[in-house]
Protein backbone atom coordinates (compact mmCIF):
# COMPACT_ATOMS: atom_id res chain seq x y z
CA MET A 1 165.46 169.23 48.20
CA LYS A 2 164.13 167.48 45.11
CA THR A 3 162.09 169.25 42.45
CA LEU A 4 158.91 168.11 40.72
CA ASN A 5 161.01 166.92 37.77
CA ASP A 6 163.30 164.95 40.09
CA TYR A 7 160.30 163.10 41.53
CA MET A 8 158.69 162.62 38.11
CA ASN A 9 161.85 160.85 36.95
CA ILE A 10 161.70 158.33 39.77
CA ALA A 11 160.44 154.93 38.56
CA TYR A 12 157.62 154.40 41.06
CA LYS A 13 155.87 151.05 40.88
CA PHE A 14 152.54 151.33 39.04
CA VAL A 15 149.85 148.67 39.57
CA ILE A 16 147.15 148.09 36.95
CA ILE A 17 143.86 146.37 37.74
CA GLU A 18 141.46 145.41 34.96
CA ASP A 19 137.73 145.77 35.67
CA LYS A 20 136.43 142.63 33.97
CA GLU A 21 132.78 143.33 34.83
CA GLU A 22 132.39 146.93 33.68
CA GLY A 23 135.48 147.31 31.49
CA GLY A 24 138.35 149.71 31.80
CA PHE A 25 141.35 149.83 34.07
CA THR A 26 142.37 151.31 37.40
CA GLY A 27 145.96 152.12 38.21
CA TYR A 28 147.74 153.33 41.31
CA TYR A 29 151.18 154.02 42.74
CA PRO A 30 151.56 152.02 45.99
CA GLU A 31 154.28 154.33 47.37
CA LEU A 32 152.17 157.43 46.69
CA SER A 33 149.21 156.87 48.99
CA GLY A 34 145.96 157.84 47.30
CA CYS A 35 147.49 158.43 43.87
CA ILE A 36 144.99 156.52 41.73
CA THR A 37 143.36 156.93 38.32
CA CYS A 38 141.02 155.12 35.91
CA ALA A 39 140.64 154.89 32.14
CA ASP A 40 138.98 152.83 29.42
CA THR A 41 142.21 151.60 27.82
CA ILE A 42 145.74 150.87 28.97
CA GLU A 43 147.05 153.61 26.69
CA GLU A 44 144.72 156.19 28.27
CA LEU A 45 145.56 154.87 31.73
CA MET A 46 149.28 155.45 31.23
CA VAL A 47 148.67 159.09 30.21
CA MET A 48 146.28 159.58 33.15
CA ALA A 49 148.80 157.94 35.49
CA GLU A 50 151.49 160.49 34.63
CA ASP A 51 149.00 163.32 35.19
CA ALA A 52 147.88 161.85 38.52
CA LYS A 53 151.48 161.38 39.63
CA ARG A 54 152.36 164.97 38.68
CA GLU A 55 149.32 166.38 40.53
CA TRP A 56 149.99 164.21 43.60
CA ILE A 57 153.63 165.30 43.78
CA GLU A 58 152.85 168.98 43.11
CA ASN A 59 150.25 169.02 45.90
CA SER A 60 152.57 167.20 48.29
CA ILE A 61 155.36 169.70 47.65
CA LYS A 62 152.96 172.62 48.05
CA ASP A 63 151.55 171.20 51.31
CA GLY A 64 154.98 170.26 52.71
CA ILE A 65 154.16 166.55 52.75
CA THR A 66 157.11 164.18 52.66
CA ILE A 67 157.20 162.34 49.34
CA PRO A 68 158.30 158.73 49.77
CA GLU A 69 160.74 157.11 47.41
CA PRO A 70 160.70 153.47 46.29
CA PRO A 71 162.98 151.09 48.16
CA ASN A 72 166.50 150.74 46.81
CA TYR A 73 167.42 147.08 46.41
CA SER A 74 171.18 146.59 46.36
CA GLY A 75 171.07 142.98 45.21
CA GLN A 76 172.77 141.87 48.40
CA PHE A 77 171.50 140.48 51.67
CA LYS A 78 173.03 138.54 54.49
CA LEU A 79 171.63 135.15 55.38
CA ARG A 80 172.67 132.92 58.24
CA VAL A 81 172.25 129.20 57.65
CA PRO A 82 173.16 126.11 59.63
CA LYS A 83 176.74 124.90 59.12
CA THR A 84 175.50 121.65 57.57
CA LEU A 85 173.47 123.54 54.96
CA HIS A 86 176.43 125.82 54.22
CA LYS A 87 178.61 122.74 53.69
CA HIS A 88 175.99 121.11 51.46
CA LEU A 89 175.60 124.23 49.30
CA ALA A 90 179.37 124.69 48.98
CA GLU A 91 179.81 121.05 47.92
CA LYS A 92 176.97 121.24 45.37
CA ALA A 93 178.40 124.47 43.91
CA GLU A 94 181.81 122.86 43.59
CA MET A 95 180.28 119.82 41.85
CA GLU A 96 178.52 122.19 39.40
CA GLY A 97 181.75 124.12 38.82
CA VAL A 98 180.28 127.46 39.89
CA SER A 99 180.70 129.78 42.82
CA MET A 100 178.48 129.23 45.82
CA ASN A 101 176.94 132.65 45.12
CA GLN A 102 176.00 131.61 41.56
CA TYR A 103 174.66 128.29 42.79
CA CYS A 104 172.49 129.92 45.47
CA VAL A 105 171.16 132.53 43.02
CA SER A 106 170.14 129.77 40.60
CA ILE A 107 168.30 127.92 43.37
CA LEU A 108 166.55 131.05 44.60
CA SER A 109 165.58 132.02 41.04
CA LYS A 110 164.09 128.60 40.42
CA TYR A 111 161.90 128.63 43.52
CA ALA A 112 161.11 132.36 43.97
């Protein structure tokens, strides 16, 4: 079982929203449902965010609530493509002098 410190060291995604009408910022952790805080400056928000995260995790541990963890992206996925597309990609990669993996990554990076 993980401790408070274990969870505090996990790099949860933190989303910041600027309030352009009234000023200030709101921030929340999408994986930690309801873990939200507000502040006047980004600097204050980051301090408040750590406090909110700590309180949220402490209360979840105390109440026996399962604490989610961010997804782990391996950098790999399997993709089935038509044979003609596979052939086209392999030929283009060969013309570029790179592996098909490198070629496909460059295409995905360009259009993602």
